[in-house]
Amino acid sequence: EARTGLQPTLSLSGGFNRADVAGVPQRTASPQS
């Protein structure tokens, strides 16, 4: 375990983005929403 101190590490993260405009959900992705 100690010898892994200088070994590389990989991590994967993910998320779900959603924005509402005037209370109406936007079903399509766009730079604005």
PDB file of all heavy atoms in Angstrom:
ATOM      1  N   GLU A   1       0.829  -1.208   0.000  1.00  0.00           N
ATOM      2  CA  GLU A   1       0.000   0.000   0.000  1.00  0.00           C
ATOM      3  C   GLU A   1       0.863   1.258   0.000  1.00  0.00           C
ATOM      4  O   GLU A   1       0.589   2.222  -0.724  1.00  0.00           O
ATOM      5  CB  GLU A   1      -0.915   0.007   1.222  1.00  0.00           C
ATOM      6  CG  GLU A   1      -1.776   1.258   1.323  1.00  0.00           C
ATOM      7  CD  GLU A   1      -2.526   1.334   2.634  1.00  0.00           C
ATOM      8  OE1 GLU A   1      -2.345   0.441   3.485  1.00  0.00           O
ATOM      9  OE2 GLU A   1      -3.289   2.297   2.820  1.00  0.00           O
ATOM     10  N   ALA A   2       1.933   1.251   0.816  1.00  0.00           N
ATOM     11  CA  ALA A   2       2.785   2.435   0.900  1.00  0.00           C
ATOM     12  C   ALA A   2       3.460   2.733  -0.435  1.00  0.00           C
ATOM     13  O   ALA A   2       3.678   3.901  -0.776  1.00  0.00           O
ATOM     14  CB  ALA A   2       3.835   2.234   1.997  1.00  0.00           C
ATOM     15  N   ARG A   3       3.769   1.710  -1.214  1.00  0.00           N
ATOM     16  CA  ARG A   3       4.460   1.920  -2.481  1.00  0.00           C
ATOM     17  C   ARG A   3       3.559   2.493  -3.570  1.00  0.00           C
ATOM     18  O   ARG A   3       4.056   2.860  -4.634  1.00  0.00           O
ATOM     19  CB  ARG A   3       5.055   0.590  -2.955  1.00  0.00           C
ATOM     20  CG  ARG A   3       6.240   0.141  -2.100  1.00  0.00           C
ATOM     21  CD  ARG A   3       6.732  -1.229  -2.496  1.00  0.00           C
ATOM     22  NE  ARG A   3       7.890  -1.613  -1.697  1.00  0.00           N
ATOM     23  CZ  ARG A   3       8.436  -2.827  -1.684  1.00  0.00           C
ATOM     24  NH1 ARG A   3       7.893  -3.782  -2.447  1.00  0.00           N
ATOM     25  NH2 ARG A   3       9.474  -3.097  -0.928  1.00  0.00           N
ATOM     26  N   THR A   4       2.278   2.588  -3.305  1.00  0.00           N
ATOM     27  CA  THR A   4       1.362   3.176  -4.295  1.00  0.00           C
ATOM     28  C   THR A   4       1.248   4.687  -4.156  1.00  0.00           C
ATOM     29  O   THR A   4       0.460   5.316  -4.868  1.00  0.00           O
ATOM     30  CB  THR A   4      -0.037   2.554  -4.152  1.00  0.00           C
ATOM     31  OG1 THR A   4      -0.564   2.882  -2.846  1.00  0.00           O
ATOM     32  CG2 THR A   4       0.018   1.040  -4.313  1.00  0.00           C
ATOM     33  N   GLY A   5       2.034   5.275  -3.236  1.00  0.00           N
ATOM     34  CA  GLY A   5       1.912   6.709  -2.994  1.00  0.00           C
ATOM     35  C   GLY A   5       2.190   7.572  -4.202  1.00  0.00           C
ATOM     36  O   GLY A   5       1.610   8.656  -4.345  1.00  0.00           O
ATOM     37  N   LEU A   6       3.074   7.156  -5.100  1.00  0.00           N
ATOM     38  CA  LEU A   6       3.423   7.935  -6.293  1.00  0.00           C
ATOM     39  C   LEU A   6       2.764   7.378  -7.552  1.00  0.00           C
ATOM     40  O   LEU A   6       3.147   7.757  -8.662  1.00  0.00           O
ATOM     41  CB  LEU A   6       4.947   7.968  -6.471  1.00  0.00           C
ATOM     42  CG  LEU A   6       5.718   8.799  -5.437  1.00  0.00           C
ATOM     43  CD1 LEU A   6       7.220   8.672  -5.658  1.00  0.00           C
ATOM     44  CD2 LEU A   6       5.295  10.263  -5.478  1.00  0.00           C
ATOM     45  N   GLN A   7       1.796   6.480  -7.391  1.00  0.00           N
ATOM     46  CA  GLN A   7       1.105   5.931  -8.543  1.00  0.00           C
ATOM     47  C   GLN A   7      -0.072   6.838  -8.937  1.00  0.00           C
ATOM     48  O   GLN A   7      -0.634   7.548  -8.093  1.00  0.00           O
ATOM     49  CB  GLN A   7       0.577   4.525  -8.229  1.00  0.00           C
ATOM     50  CG  GLN A   7       1.669   3.533  -7.877  1.00  0.00           C
ATOM     51  CD  GLN A   7       2.654   3.348  -9.020  1.00  0.00           C
ATOM     52  OE1 GLN A   7       2.257   3.228 -10.179  1.00  0.00           O
ATOM     53  NE2 GLN A   7       3.934   3.327  -8.695  1.00  0.00           N
ATOM     54  N   PRO A   8      -0.450   6.861 -10.237  1.00  0.00           N
ATOM     55  CA  PRO A   8      -1.559   7.725 -10.669  1.00  0.00           C
ATOM     56  C   PRO A   8      -2.901   7.224 -10.147  1.00  0.00           C
ATOM     57  O   PRO A   8      -3.071   6.041  -9.841  1.00  0.00           O
ATOM     58  CB  PRO A   8      -1.489   7.648 -12.188  1.00  0.00           C
ATOM     59  CG  PRO A   8      -0.851   6.333 -12.473  1.00  0.00           C
ATOM     60  CD  PRO A   8       0.135   6.107 -11.360  1.00  0.00           C
ATOM     61  N   THR A   9      -3.847   8.149 -10.060  1.00  0.00           N
ATOM     62  CA  THR A   9      -5.208   7.816  -9.667  1.00  0.00           C
ATOM     63  C   THR A   9      -6.178   8.339 -10.715  1.00  0.00           C
ATOM     64  O   THR A   9      -5.948   9.385 -11.327  1.00  0.00           O
ATOM     65  CB  THR A   9      -5.557   8.419  -8.299  1.00  0.00           C
ATOM     66  OG1 THR A   9      -5.413   9.848  -8.360  1.00  0.00           O
ATOM     67  CG2 THR A   9      -4.649   7.877  -7.211  1.00  0.00           C
ATOM     68  N   LEU A  10      -7.244   7.598 -10.952  1.00  0.00           N
ATOM     69  CA  LEU A  10      -8.286   7.980 -11.899  1.00  0.00           C
ATOM     70  C   LEU A  10      -9.609   8.064 -11.147  1.00  0.00           C
ATOM     71  O   LEU A  10      -9.902   7.220 -10.292  1.00  0.00           O
ATOM     72  CB  LEU A  10      -8.403   6.962 -13.036  1.00  0.00           C
ATOM     73  CG  LEU A  10      -7.196   6.826 -13.976  1.00  0.00           C
ATOM     74  CD1 LEU A  10      -7.422   5.683 -14.954  1.00  0.00           C
ATOM     75  CD2 LEU A  10      -6.958   8.129 -14.724  1.00  0.00           C
ATOM     76  N   SER A  11     -10.415   9.062 -11.511  1.00  0.00           N
ATOM     77  CA  SER A  11     -11.729   9.205 -10.897  1.00  0.00           C
ATOM     78  C   SER A  11     -12.735   9.620 -11.958  1.00  0.00           C
ATOM     79  O   SER A  11     -12.406  10.351 -12.900  1.00  0.00           O
ATOM     80  CB  SER A  11     -11.702  10.234  -9.762  1.00  0.00           C
ATOM     81  OG  SER A  11     -11.325  11.507 -10.247  1.00  0.00           O
ATOM     82  N   LEU A  12     -13.942   9.141 -11.828  1.00  0.00           N
ATOM     83  CA  LEU A  12     -15.017   9.457 -12.765  1.00  0.00           C
ATOM     84  C   LEU A  12     -16.176  10.049 -11.988  1.00  0.00           C
ATOM     85  O   LEU A  12     -16.622   9.493 -10.982  1.00  0.00           O
ATOM     86  CB  LEU A  12     -15.468   8.182 -13.490  1.00  0.00           C
ATOM     87  CG  LEU A  12     -16.610   8.340 -14.502  1.00  0.00           C
ATOM     88  CD1 LEU A  12     -16.154   9.222 -15.676  1.00  0.00           C
ATOM     89  CD2 LEU A  12     -17.085   6.973 -15.001  1.00  0.00           C
ATOM     90  N   SER A  13     -16.641  11.203 -12.457  1.00  0.00           N
ATOM     91  CA  SER A  13     -17.774  11.859 -11.822  1.00  0.00           C
ATOM     92  C   SER A  13     -18.801  12.214 -12.882  1.00  0.00           C
ATOM     93  O   SER A  13     -18.472  12.408 -14.061  1.00  0.00           O
ATOM     94  CB  SER A  13     -17.333  13.108 -11.052  1.00  0.00           C
ATOM     95  OG  SER A  13     -16.718  14.044 -11.934  1.00  0.00           O
ATOM     96  N   GLY A  14     -20.033  12.310 -12.496  1.00  0.00           N
ATOM     97  CA  GLY A  14     -21.091  12.639 -13.439  1.00  0.00           C
ATOM     98  C   GLY A  14     -22.193  13.430 -12.768  1.00  0.00           C
ATOM     99  O   GLY A  14     -22.301  13.459 -11.530  1.00  0.00           O
ATOM    100  N   GLY A  15     -23.019  14.100 -13.591  1.00  0.00           N
ATOM    101  CA  GLY A  15     -24.110  14.878 -13.048  1.00  0.00           C
ATOM    102  C   GLY A  15     -25.231  15.046 -14.059  1.00  0.00           C
ATOM    103  O   GLY A  15     -25.070  14.784 -15.261  1.00  0.00           O
ATOM    104  N   PHE A  16     -26.358  15.480 -13.575  1.00  0.00           N
ATOM    105  CA  PHE A  16     -27.533  15.725 -14.420  1.00  0.00           C
ATOM    106  C   PHE A  16     -27.923  17.184 -14.252  1.00  0.00           C
ATOM    107  O   PHE A  16     -28.137  17.655 -13.124  1.00  0.00           O
ATOM    108  CB  PHE A  16     -28.690  14.818 -14.003  1.00  0.00           C
ATOM    109  CG  PHE A  16     -29.936  15.024 -14.807  1.00  0.00           C
ATOM    110  CD1 PHE A  16     -30.046  14.476 -16.075  1.00  0.00           C
ATOM    111  CD2 PHE A  16     -31.006  15.784 -14.309  1.00  0.00           C
ATOM    112  CE1 PHE A  16     -31.205  14.650 -16.823  1.00  0.00           C
ATOM    113  CE2 PHE A  16     -32.149  15.970 -15.052  1.00  0.00           C
ATOM    114  CZ  PHE A  16     -32.255  15.398 -16.311  1.00  0.00           C
ATOM    115  N   ASN A  17     -27.966  17.932 -15.364  1.00  0.00           N
ATOM    116  CA  ASN A  17     -28.270  19.360 -15.320  1.00  0.00           C
ATOM    117  C   ASN A  17     -29.667  19.615 -15.886  1.00  0.00           C
ATOM    118  O   ASN A  17     -30.052  19.060 -16.913  1.00  0.00           O
ATOM    119  CB  ASN A  17     -27.255  20.159 -16.132  1.00  0.00           C
ATOM    120  CG  ASN A  17     -25.854  20.034 -15.549  1.00  0.00           C
ATOM    121  OD1 ASN A  17     -25.716  19.919 -14.340  1.00  0.00           O
ATOM    122  ND2 ASN A  17     -24.842  20.036 -16.402  1.00  0.00           N
ATOM    123  N   ARG A  18     -30.426  20.477 -15.216  1.00  0.00           N
ATOM    124  CA  ARG A  18     -31.749  20.865 -15.692  1.00  0.00           C
ATOM    125  C   ARG A  18     -32.032  22.288 -15.213  1.00  0.00           C
ATOM    126  O   ARG A  18     -31.780  22.617 -14.051  1.00  0.00           O
ATOM    127  CB  ARG A  18     -32.803  19.913 -15.148  1.00  0.00           C
ATOM    128  CG  ARG A  18     -34.232  20.367 -15.493  1.00  0.00           C
ATOM    129  CD  ARG A  18     -35.240  19.339 -15.074  1.00  0.00           C
ATOM    130  NE  ARG A  18     -36.601  19.804 -15.315  1.00  0.00           N
ATOM    131  CZ  ARG A  18     -37.673  19.038 -15.242  1.00  0.00           C
ATOM    132  NH1 ARG A  18     -37.525  17.755 -14.940  1.00  0.00           N
ATOM    133  NH2 ARG A  18     -38.884  19.531 -15.462  1.00  0.00           N
ATOM    134  N   ALA A  19     -32.567  23.127 -16.118  1.00  0.00           N
ATOM    135  CA  ALA A  19     -32.887  24.508 -15.756  1.00  0.00           C
ATOM    136  C   ALA A  19     -34.304  24.823 -16.189  1.00  0.00           C
ATOM    137  O   ALA A  19     -34.744  24.422 -17.274  1.00  0.00           O
ATOM    138  CB  ALA A  19     -31.910  25.487 -16.414  1.00  0.00           C
ATOM    139  N   ASP A  20     -35.043  25.511 -15.397  1.00  0.00           N
ATOM    140  CA  ASP A  20     -36.405  25.935 -15.711  1.00  0.00           C
ATOM    141  C   ASP A  20     -36.424  27.422 -16.068  1.00  0.00           C
ATOM    142  O   ASP A  20     -35.719  28.222 -15.452  1.00  0.00           O
ATOM    143  CB  ASP A  20     -37.338  25.713 -14.523  1.00  0.00           C
ATOM    144  CG  ASP A  20     -37.538  24.232 -14.252  1.00  0.00           C
ATOM    145  OD1 ASP A  20     -37.246  23.431 -15.156  1.00  0.00           O
ATOM    146  OD2 ASP A  20     -37.946  23.906 -13.121  1.00  0.00           O
ATOM    147  N   VAL A  21     -37.241  27.773 -17.072  1.00  0.00           N
ATOM    148  CA  VAL A  21     -37.418  29.170 -17.466  1.00  0.00           C
ATOM    149  C   VAL A  21     -38.860  29.556 -17.188  1.00  0.00           C
ATOM    150  O   VAL A  21     -39.789  28.977 -17.773  1.00  0.00           O
ATOM    151  CB  VAL A  21     -37.087  29.396 -18.969  1.00  0.00           C
ATOM    152  CG1 VAL A  21     -37.340  30.843 -19.343  1.00  0.00           C
ATOM    153  CG2 VAL A  21     -35.660  28.996 -19.235  1.00  0.00           C
ATOM    154  N   ALA A  22     -39.077  30.477 -16.320  1.00  0.00           N
ATOM    155  CA  ALA A  22     -40.417  30.968 -15.937  1.00  0.00           C
ATOM    156  C   ALA A  22     -41.310  29.807 -15.510  1.00  0.00           C
ATOM    157  O   ALA A  22     -42.483  29.730 -15.881  1.00  0.00           O
ATOM    158  CB  ALA A  22     -41.068  31.749 -17.079  1.00  0.00           C
ATOM    159  N   GLY A  23     -40.668  28.833 -14.813  1.00  0.00           N
ATOM    160  CA  GLY A  23     -41.456  27.716 -14.294  1.00  0.00           C
ATOM    161  C   GLY A  23     -41.764  26.654 -15.293  1.00  0.00           C
ATOM    162  O   GLY A  23     -42.471  25.692 -14.986  1.00  0.00           O
ATOM    163  N   VAL A  24     -41.265  26.769 -16.527  1.00  0.00           N
ATOM    164  CA  VAL A  24     -41.536  25.764 -17.558  1.00  0.00           C
ATOM    165  C   VAL A  24     -40.275  24.943 -17.786  1.00  0.00           C
ATOM    166  O   VAL A  24     -39.247  25.508 -18.167  1.00  0.00           O
ATOM    167  CB  VAL A  24     -41.975  26.413 -18.879  1.00  0.00           C
ATOM    168  CG1 VAL A  24     -42.219  25.325 -19.927  1.00  0.00           C
ATOM    169  CG2 VAL A  24     -43.222  27.248 -18.647  1.00  0.00           C
ATOM    170  N   PRO A  25     -40.311  23.657 -17.538  1.00  0.00           N
ATOM    171  CA  PRO A  25     -39.091  22.859 -17.745  1.00  0.00           C
ATOM    172  C   PRO A  25     -38.667  22.881 -19.206  1.00  0.00           C
ATOM    173  O   PRO A  25     -39.496  22.824 -20.117  1.00  0.00           O
ATOM    174  CB  PRO A  25     -39.527  21.465 -17.322  1.00  0.00           C
ATOM    175  CG  PRO A  25     -40.752  21.663 -16.492  1.00  0.00           C
ATOM    176  CD  PRO A  25     -41.425  22.862 -17.034  1.00  0.00           C
ATOM    177  N   GLN A  26     -37.353  22.985 -19.413  1.00  0.00           N
ATOM    178  CA  GLN A  26     -36.803  22.956 -20.770  1.00  0.00           C
ATOM    179  C   GLN A  26     -36.416  21.522 -21.089  1.00  0.00           C
ATOM    180  O   GLN A  26     -35.609  20.904 -20.402  1.00  0.00           O
ATOM    181  CB  GLN A  26     -35.574  23.882 -20.866  1.00  0.00           C
ATOM    182  CG  GLN A  26     -35.868  25.336 -20.494  1.00  0.00           C
ATOM    183  CD  GLN A  26     -36.863  25.969 -21.452  1.00  0.00           C
ATOM    184  OE1 GLN A  26     -36.707  25.834 -22.672  1.00  0.00           O
ATOM    185  NE2 GLN A  26     -37.878  26.647 -20.922  1.00  0.00           N
ATOM    186  N   ARG A  27     -37.017  20.973 -22.173  1.00  0.00           N
ATOM    187  CA  ARG A  27     -36.802  19.585 -22.530  1.00  0.00           C
ATOM    188  C   ARG A  27     -35.618  19.388 -23.441  1.00  0.00           C
ATOM    189  O   ARG A  27     -35.199  18.268 -23.674  1.00  0.00           O
ATOM    190  CB  ARG A  27     -38.051  19.039 -23.225  1.00  0.00           C
ATOM    191  CG  ARG A  27     -39.296  19.088 -22.335  1.00  0.00           C
ATOM    192  CD  ARG A  27     -39.126  18.228 -21.098  1.00  0.00           C
ATOM    193  NE  ARG A  27     -40.335  18.221 -20.294  1.00  0.00           N
ATOM    194  CZ  ARG A  27     -40.458  17.585 -19.151  1.00  0.00           C
ATOM    195  NH1 ARG A  27     -39.424  16.903 -18.683  1.00  0.00           N
ATOM    196  NH2 ARG A  27     -41.591  17.629 -18.471  1.00  0.00           N
ATOM    197  N   THR A  28     -35.090  20.462 -23.983  1.00  0.00           N
ATOM    198  CA  THR A  28     -33.965  20.334 -24.901  1.00  0.00           C
ATOM    199  C   THR A  28     -32.799  21.124 -24.360  1.00  0.00           C
ATOM    200  O   THR A  28     -32.965  22.128 -23.663  1.00  0.00           O
ATOM    201  CB  THR A  28     -34.319  20.859 -26.300  1.00  0.00           C
ATOM    202  OG1 THR A  28     -34.705  22.231 -26.198  1.00  0.00           O
ATOM    203  CG2 THR A  28     -35.454  20.045 -26.879  1.00  0.00           C
ATOM    204  N   ALA A  29     -31.620  20.629 -24.662  1.00  0.00           N
ATOM    205  CA  ALA A  29     -30.428  21.309 -24.174  1.00  0.00           C
ATOM    206  C   ALA A  29     -30.037  22.420 -25.110  1.00  0.00           C
ATOM    207  O   ALA A  29     -30.134  22.296 -26.326  1.00  0.00           O
ATOM    208  CB  ALA A  29     -29.278  20.294 -24.055  1.00  0.00           C
ATOM    209  N   SER A  30     -29.614  23.484 -24.521  1.00  0.00           N
ATOM    210  CA  SER A  30     -29.131  24.626 -25.296  1.00  0.00           C
ATOM    211  C   SER A  30     -28.157  25.400 -24.449  1.00  0.00           C
ATOM    212  O   SER A  30     -28.127  25.228 -23.231  1.00  0.00           O
ATOM    213  CB  SER A  30     -30.312  25.524 -25.703  1.00  0.00           C
ATOM    214  OG  SER A  30     -30.890  26.112 -24.554  1.00  0.00           O
ATOM    215  N   PRO A  31     -27.330  26.238 -25.042  1.00  0.00           N
ATOM    216  CA  PRO A  31     -26.403  27.016 -24.233  1.00  0.00           C
ATOM    217  C   PRO A  31     -27.115  27.857 -23.182  1.00  0.00           C
ATOM    218  O   PRO A  31     -26.569  28.098 -22.106  1.00  0.00           O
ATOM    219  CB  PRO A  31     -25.669  27.868 -25.264  1.00  0.00           C
ATOM    220  CG  PRO A  31     -25.770  27.094 -26.527  1.00  0.00           C
ATOM    221  CD  PRO A  31     -27.120  26.460 -26.482  1.00  0.00           C
ATOM    222  N   GLN A  32     -28.354  28.324 -23.494  1.00  0.00           N
ATOM    223  CA  GLN A  32     -29.040  29.168 -22.534  1.00  0.00           C
ATOM    224  C   GLN A  32     -29.695  28.328 -21.409  1.00  0.00           C
ATOM    225  O   GLN A  32     -29.853  28.788 -20.291  1.00  0.00           O
ATOM    226  CB  GLN A  32     -30.118  30.007 -23.249  1.00  0.00           C
ATOM    227  CG  GLN A  32     -29.577  31.076 -24.180  1.00  0.00           C
ATOM    228  CD  GLN A  32     -29.112  30.486 -25.496  1.00  0.00           C
ATOM    229  OE1 GLN A  32     -29.515  29.348 -25.836  1.00  0.00           O
ATOM    230  NE2 GLN A  32     -28.250  31.199 -26.213  1.00  0.00           N
ATOM    231  N   SER A  33     -30.103  27.155 -21.748  1.00  0.00           N
ATOM    232  CA  SER A  33     -30.761  26.298 -20.748  1.00  0.00           C
ATOM    233  C   SER A  33     -30.205  24.874 -20.844  1.00  0.00           C
ATOM    234  O   SER A  33     -30.787  24.020 -21.512  1.00  0.00           O
ATOM    235  CB  SER A  33     -32.270  26.283 -20.967  1.00  0.00           C
ATOM    236  OG  SER A  33     -32.569  25.800 -22.264  1.00  0.00           O
TER     237      SER A  33
END
